[in-house]
C-alpha cells in the first residue's frame, strides 16, 4: 500500500553505534524546493509516469529540484535500491568480511543469467542478486533488521513480510525524498557504520566515471515500478538523484529509469553531454 507522507523531506537522524552524538539531516517541507514542470518533457519522451528529486550541491548551492513533488513524497518498496543500506547491515553484522568473500550459488536457476553463479558483494550489487541479500536477511533476522532501519531512520523502518524479501514484497517502503536524504548521509560518511564499510559500499556502487566525475547509483524494480537512485561526484560538489517510474510494460520499461535520469542530469550539466557520432 502506498503511503503519502506529509512533508517533502523527513528528518533522517542517525546515531553512532558507539554512542556518538545524533546527527540530523533535515529539510522542512517545500523549503528551497523548485518544481521543474519542464522536466515533464523527459518523462513524456519515454512515455513514463513518475517522479525525480535532484539535489545539486555543486558550488555550495544545495539546490533541490523536483518533478511531480506529490509523488516524490509517496513511499514505495525500495526494491534493489535497498542493497545499498543492506550491504552496510551485512558488513556491520559480520556476515560479509569484505568484497572478496564468496557466496556459493545454490543451484537454483533464476530468470536472469548473471544470478546463476557464485557471487561476492561487488557482483551481487552489480547483478542485483536478490538471493545473496536473502542470505543476509536470514542471518540478520527481523528484529535486528528493524534496529538497523530505525538507527538510520530509513523510510517507514518496517522489515515485516508475510512472504518474499521484505524490501520487495514486504512492508518496507521509502519515498524519493527520503532516498536522497539517505544518500546524502552516505556520501558524507555520516551513517552509524564504520568508515571503511561506508567507503566500500560507495566503491561497489560505481557505475561510470570520467576524468573529473564519478557516477554511483543503484537500480531497483518491484514489478509495478522501478527506481534509479544515486549521485554524481564533481570537484565542485555532488548531485544527488532519486527517480521512480511506473513500469506497466514490465521489463520493457526498465531502460527508461536510467534514460530519463541521464537526460535530466545532462540538461543541468551534471553529466557530460553525449559526443556526436
Protein backbone atom coordinates (compact mmCIF):
# COMPACT_ATOMS: atom_id res chain seq x y z
CA UNK A 1 0.00 0.00 0.00
CA UNK A 2 1.40 3.38 -0.98
CA UNK A 3 1.55 5.84 1.89
CA UNK A 4 1.69 9.60 1.36
CA UNK A 5 3.94 11.33 3.84
CA UNK A 6 3.05 14.83 4.97
CA UNK A 7 6.40 16.54 4.48
CA UNK A 8 8.52 16.59 1.36
CA UNK A 9 11.52 15.79 3.49
CA UNK A 10 11.53 13.66 6.61
CA UNK A 11 14.40 14.24 9.02
CA UNK A 12 16.93 11.47 8.94
CA UNK A 13 18.58 11.13 12.31
CA UNK A 14 21.50 8.81 12.62
CA UNK A 15 23.27 7.86 15.82
CA UNK A 16 26.67 6.29 16.08
CA UNK A 17 26.72 2.65 17.11
CA UNK A 18 29.43 3.67 19.55
CA UNK A 19 27.39 6.33 21.31
CA UNK A 20 28.38 9.41 19.31
CA UNK A 21 26.09 12.39 19.08
CA UNK A 22 23.00 12.30 16.92
CA UNK A 23 23.29 13.91 13.52
CA UNK A 24 20.19 15.30 11.85
CA UNK A 25 19.76 15.65 8.12
CA UNK A 26 16.53 17.60 7.81
CA UNK A 27 14.86 19.82 5.33
CA UNK A 28 11.44 21.28 6.02
CA UNK A 29 8.63 20.68 3.54
CA UNK A 30 8.73 22.88 0.45
CA UNK A 31 11.66 24.95 1.75
CA UNK A 32 14.10 25.69 -1.06
CA UNK A 33 12.46 23.18 -3.42
CA UNK A 34 11.92 24.11 -7.06
CA UNK A 35 9.23 22.34 -9.05
CA UNK A 36 10.58 21.53 -12.51
CA UNK A 37 7.50 21.21 -14.67
CA UNK A 38 9.77 21.46 -17.72
CA UNK A 39 11.22 18.05 -16.82
CA UNK A 40 7.90 16.53 -17.85
CA UNK A 41 9.31 16.53 -21.40
CA UNK A 42 11.83 13.86 -20.42
CA UNK A 43 9.14 11.60 -18.94
CA UNK A 44 6.92 12.19 -21.96
CA UNK A 45 9.76 11.32 -24.33
CA UNK A 46 9.87 7.83 -22.84
CA UNK A 47 6.11 7.58 -22.22
CA UNK A 48 6.68 7.23 -18.48
CA UNK A 49 4.86 8.35 -15.35
CA UNK A 50 6.91 9.04 -12.27
CA UNK A 51 8.94 11.49 -10.24
CA UNK A 52 12.50 12.61 -9.72
CA UNK A 53 14.22 14.52 -6.93
CA UNK A 54 17.58 16.17 -7.65
CA UNK A 55 19.71 17.88 -5.02
CA UNK A 56 22.55 19.85 -6.60
CA UNK A 57 25.28 20.66 -4.10
CA UNK A 58 27.82 21.97 -6.59
CA UNK A 59 29.27 25.36 -5.71
CA UNK A 60 27.56 25.04 -2.29
CA UNK A 61 24.19 25.85 -3.87
CA UNK A 62 22.39 22.90 -2.23
CA UNK A 63 19.60 23.37 -4.76
CA UNK A 64 16.68 20.93 -4.59
CA UNK A 65 14.65 20.38 -7.76
CA UNK A 66 11.75 18.02 -8.24
CA UNK A 67 9.34 16.89 -10.89
CA UNK A 68 5.98 15.65 -9.54
CA UNK A 69 6.61 16.67 -5.93
CA UNK A 70 3.44 14.98 -4.70
CA UNK A 71 4.61 11.56 -5.87
CA UNK A 72 8.10 12.26 -4.53
CA UNK A 73 6.58 12.14 -1.04
CA UNK A 74 4.89 8.78 -1.60
CA UNK A 75 6.60 5.73 -0.13
CA UNK A 76 7.24 2.68 -2.30
CA UNK A 77 9.11 -0.55 -1.68
CA UNK A 78 12.79 0.28 -2.22
CA UNK A 79 13.35 -2.98 -4.14
CA UNK A 80 17.02 -3.43 -5.01
CA UNK A 81 17.98 0.13 -4.10
CA UNK A 82 17.87 -1.34 -0.59
CA UNK A 83 21.04 -3.25 -1.41
CA UNK A 84 22.89 -0.06 -0.51
CA UNK A 85 21.92 0.05 3.20
CA UNK A 86 21.55 -3.74 3.33
CA UNK A 87 25.23 -4.13 2.42
CA UNK A 88 26.10 -1.87 5.34
CA UNK A 89 23.95 -4.00 7.66
CA UNK A 90 25.66 -7.20 6.49
CA UNK A 91 29.15 -5.74 6.88
CA UNK A 92 28.36 -4.42 10.33
CA UNK A 93 26.87 -7.74 11.43
CA UNK A 94 29.97 -9.62 10.23
CA UNK A 95 28.06 -11.63 7.63
CA UNK A 96 30.32 -10.15 4.97
CA UNK A 97 34.03 -9.67 5.71
CA UNK A 98 34.97 -7.82 2.55
CA UNK A 99 34.20 -7.53 -1.15
CA UNK A 100 36.02 -10.78 -1.96
CA UNK A 101 34.08 -13.18 0.27
CA UNK A 102 32.38 -15.72 -1.97
CA UNK A 103 28.75 -16.78 -1.69
CA UNK A 104 28.20 -20.11 -3.41
CA UNK A 105 25.35 -20.29 -5.88
CA UNK A 106 22.57 -22.51 -4.56
CA UNK A 107 22.00 -24.13 -7.97
CA UNK A 108 18.50 -22.69 -8.40
CA UNK A 109 18.05 -21.39 -11.96
CA UNK A 110 16.71 -17.85 -11.96
CA UNK A 111 15.43 -15.77 -14.85
CA UNK A 112 18.48 -13.50 -15.04
CA UNK A 113 21.59 -15.47 -16.08
CA UNK A 114 24.15 -13.44 -14.04
CA UNK A 115 22.30 -14.57 -10.88
CA UNK A 116 23.11 -18.20 -11.63
CA UNK A 117 26.68 -18.20 -10.41
CA UNK A 118 28.79 -17.63 -7.31
CA UNK A 119 28.71 -14.05 -6.10
CA UNK A 120 30.74 -11.67 -3.97
CA UNK A 121 29.46 -8.37 -2.58
CA UNK A 122 30.52 -6.40 -5.65
CA UNK A 123 28.94 -8.77 -8.17
CA UNK A 124 25.81 -9.16 -6.04
CA UNK A 125 25.38 -5.38 -6.11
CA UNK A 126 26.16 -5.10 -9.82
CA UNK A 127 23.93 -8.05 -10.81
CA UNK A 128 21.24 -7.27 -8.23
CA UNK A 129 21.45 -10.86 -6.99
CA UNK A 130 18.50 -10.97 -4.61
CA UNK A 131 19.35 -14.46 -3.33
CA UNK A 132 22.58 -13.18 -1.77
CA UNK A 133 20.72 -10.48 0.11
CA UNK A 134 18.11 -13.02 1.20
CA UNK A 135 21.02 -14.77 2.94
CA UNK A 136 21.88 -11.50 4.67
CA UNK A 137 18.25 -11.02 5.75
CA UNK A 138 18.04 -14.52 7.20
CA UNK A 139 21.30 -14.12 9.11
CA UNK A 140 20.44 -10.67 10.44
CA UNK A 141 16.85 -11.54 11.36
CA UNK A 142 13.78 -9.35 11.52
CA UNK A 143 14.43 -7.90 14.98
CA UNK A 144 17.97 -6.76 14.24
CA UNK A 145 16.94 -5.52 10.79
CA UNK A 146 14.34 -3.34 12.47
CA UNK A 147 17.00 -1.92 14.79
CA UNK A 148 19.25 -1.09 11.85
CA UNK A 149 16.39 0.56 9.95
CA UNK A 150 15.44 2.68 12.96
CA UNK A 151 19.08 3.58 13.53
CA UNK A 152 19.23 5.24 10.12
CA UNK A 153 15.54 6.26 10.00
CA UNK A 154 15.12 4.51 6.65
CA UNK A 155 11.63 5.08 5.22
CA UNK A 156 8.92 3.51 7.38
CA UNK A 157 11.54 1.30 9.07
CA UNK A 158 9.34 -1.83 8.82
CA UNK A 159 11.07 -5.13 7.86
CA UNK A 160 7.98 -7.30 8.30
CA UNK A 161 6.95 -9.55 5.41
CA UNK A 162 4.46 -12.38 5.02
CA UNK A 163 6.49 -13.91 2.20
CA UNK A 164 9.38 -12.92 -0.01
CA UNK A 165 12.07 -10.31 0.53
CA UNK A 166 10.87 -7.58 2.89
CA UNK A 167 12.39 -4.80 0.75
CA UNK A 168 10.45 -6.00 -2.31
CA UNK A 169 7.35 -7.91 -1.15
CA UNK A 170 7.11 -6.81 2.47
CA UNK A 171 6.16 -3.70 4.38
CA UNK A 172 9.34 -1.67 3.95
CA UNK A 173 8.81 1.50 1.92
CA UNK A 174 10.60 4.78 1.27
CA UNK A 175 9.96 7.98 -0.70
CA UNK A 176 12.16 9.62 -3.30
CA UNK A 177 12.84 12.49 -0.90
CA UNK A 178 13.93 10.03 1.79
CA UNK A 179 16.14 8.15 -0.67
CA UNK A 180 18.09 11.36 -1.34
CA UNK A 181 18.39 12.15 2.36
CA UNK A 182 19.87 8.69 2.98
CA UNK A 183 22.28 9.04 0.05
CA UNK A 184 23.47 12.42 1.32
CA UNK A 185 24.34 10.84 4.65
CA UNK A 186 26.23 8.01 2.96
CA UNK A 187 28.14 10.45 0.76
CA UNK A 188 29.25 12.34 3.89
CA UNK A 189 30.23 9.10 5.69
CA UNK A 190 27.78 10.17 8.39
CA UNK A 191 25.81 6.95 8.79
CA UNK A 192 26.26 4.99 12.04
CA UNK A 193 28.60 2.44 10.47
CA UNK A 194 32.35 2.05 10.29
CA UNK A 195 34.03 4.41 7.86
CA UNK A 196 35.66 1.58 5.91
CA UNK A 197 32.27 -0.07 5.41
CA UNK A 198 30.72 3.12 4.05
CA UNK A 199 33.69 3.63 1.72
CA UNK A 200 33.42 0.04 0.46
CA UNK A 201 29.71 0.32 -0.28
CA UNK A 202 30.28 3.56 -2.17
CA UNK A 203 33.03 1.88 -4.16
CA UNK A 204 30.83 -1.02 -5.28
CA UNK A 205 28.13 1.48 -6.31
CA UNK A 206 30.29 2.96 -9.10
CA UNK A 207 28.51 2.74 -12.45
CA UNK A 208 30.61 5.02 -14.61
CA UNK A 209 33.39 7.57 -14.27
CA UNK A 210 35.11 10.26 -16.31
CA UNK A 211 38.22 12.35 -15.89
CA UNK A 212 36.70 14.52 -13.16
CA UNK A 213 33.39 12.87 -12.23
CA UNK A 214 32.05 9.62 -10.77
CA UNK A 215 28.53 8.23 -11.05
CA UNK A 216 27.45 5.99 -8.16
CA UNK A 217 23.95 4.53 -8.38
CA UNK A 218 21.64 1.55 -7.91
CA UNK A 219 18.56 0.40 -9.78
CA UNK A 220 15.52 -1.21 -8.22
CA UNK A 221 12.40 -2.90 -9.56
CA UNK A 222 9.37 -4.10 -7.64
CA UNK A 223 7.48 -5.20 -10.73
CA UNK A 224 4.98 -2.37 -10.94
CA UNK A 225 7.50 0.43 -10.59
CA UNK A 226 11.23 0.95 -10.80
CA UNK A 227 13.93 3.10 -9.20
CA UNK A 228 17.27 4.61 -10.05
CA UNK A 229 18.97 6.42 -7.19
CA UNK A 230 22.48 7.72 -6.62
CA UNK A 231 24.69 10.71 -7.19
CA UNK A 232 27.34 12.21 -9.47
CA UNK A 233 30.50 13.48 -7.79
CA UNK A 234 32.19 16.57 -9.24
CA UNK A 235 35.11 18.60 -7.86
CA UNK A 236 32.58 21.37 -7.14
CA UNK A 237 30.24 19.02 -5.23
CA UNK A 238 27.79 16.12 -5.63
CA UNK A 239 24.46 15.98 -7.45
CA UNK A 240 22.05 13.50 -5.84
CA UNK A 241 19.03 11.98 -7.58
CA UNK A 242 16.17 9.58 -6.90
CA UNK A 243 13.73 8.58 -9.64
CA UNK A 244 10.83 6.18 -9.63
CA UNK A 245 8.51 5.40 -12.52
CA UNK A 246 5.61 3.07 -13.21
CA UNK A 247 6.54 0.01 -15.28
CA UNK A 248 3.27 -1.22 -16.84
CA UNK A 249 5.22 -2.95 -19.62
CA UNK A 250 7.40 -4.73 -17.07
CA UNK A 251 10.93 -5.49 -18.32
CA UNK A 252 10.41 -3.42 -21.48
CA UNK A 253 10.16 -0.29 -19.32
CA UNK A 254 13.29 -0.82 -17.25
CA UNK A 255 15.69 1.03 -19.57
CA UNK A 256 13.62 4.17 -19.04
CA UNK A 257 14.86 4.58 -15.48
CA UNK A 258 18.43 5.41 -16.42
CA UNK A 259 17.49 7.06 -19.71
CA UNK A 260 15.29 9.68 -18.05
CA UNK A 261 17.75 10.42 -15.26
CA UNK A 262 20.67 10.76 -17.65
CA UNK A 263 18.80 13.21 -19.87
CA UNK A 264 17.78 15.32 -16.88
CA UNK A 265 21.30 15.32 -15.45
CA UNK A 266 22.74 16.33 -18.83
CA UNK A 267 20.21 19.16 -19.03
CA UNK A 268 21.67 20.67 -15.84
CA UNK A 269 25.26 19.75 -16.81
CA UNK A 270 25.50 17.19 -14.03
CA UNK A 271 26.62 14.58 -16.59
CA UNK A 272 28.70 15.23 -19.71
CA UNK A 273 26.86 15.67 -22.98
CA UNK A 274 26.89 12.75 -25.39
CA UNK A 275 29.50 13.04 -28.09
CA UNK A 276 28.16 13.49 -31.59
CA UNK A 277 28.68 10.46 -33.81
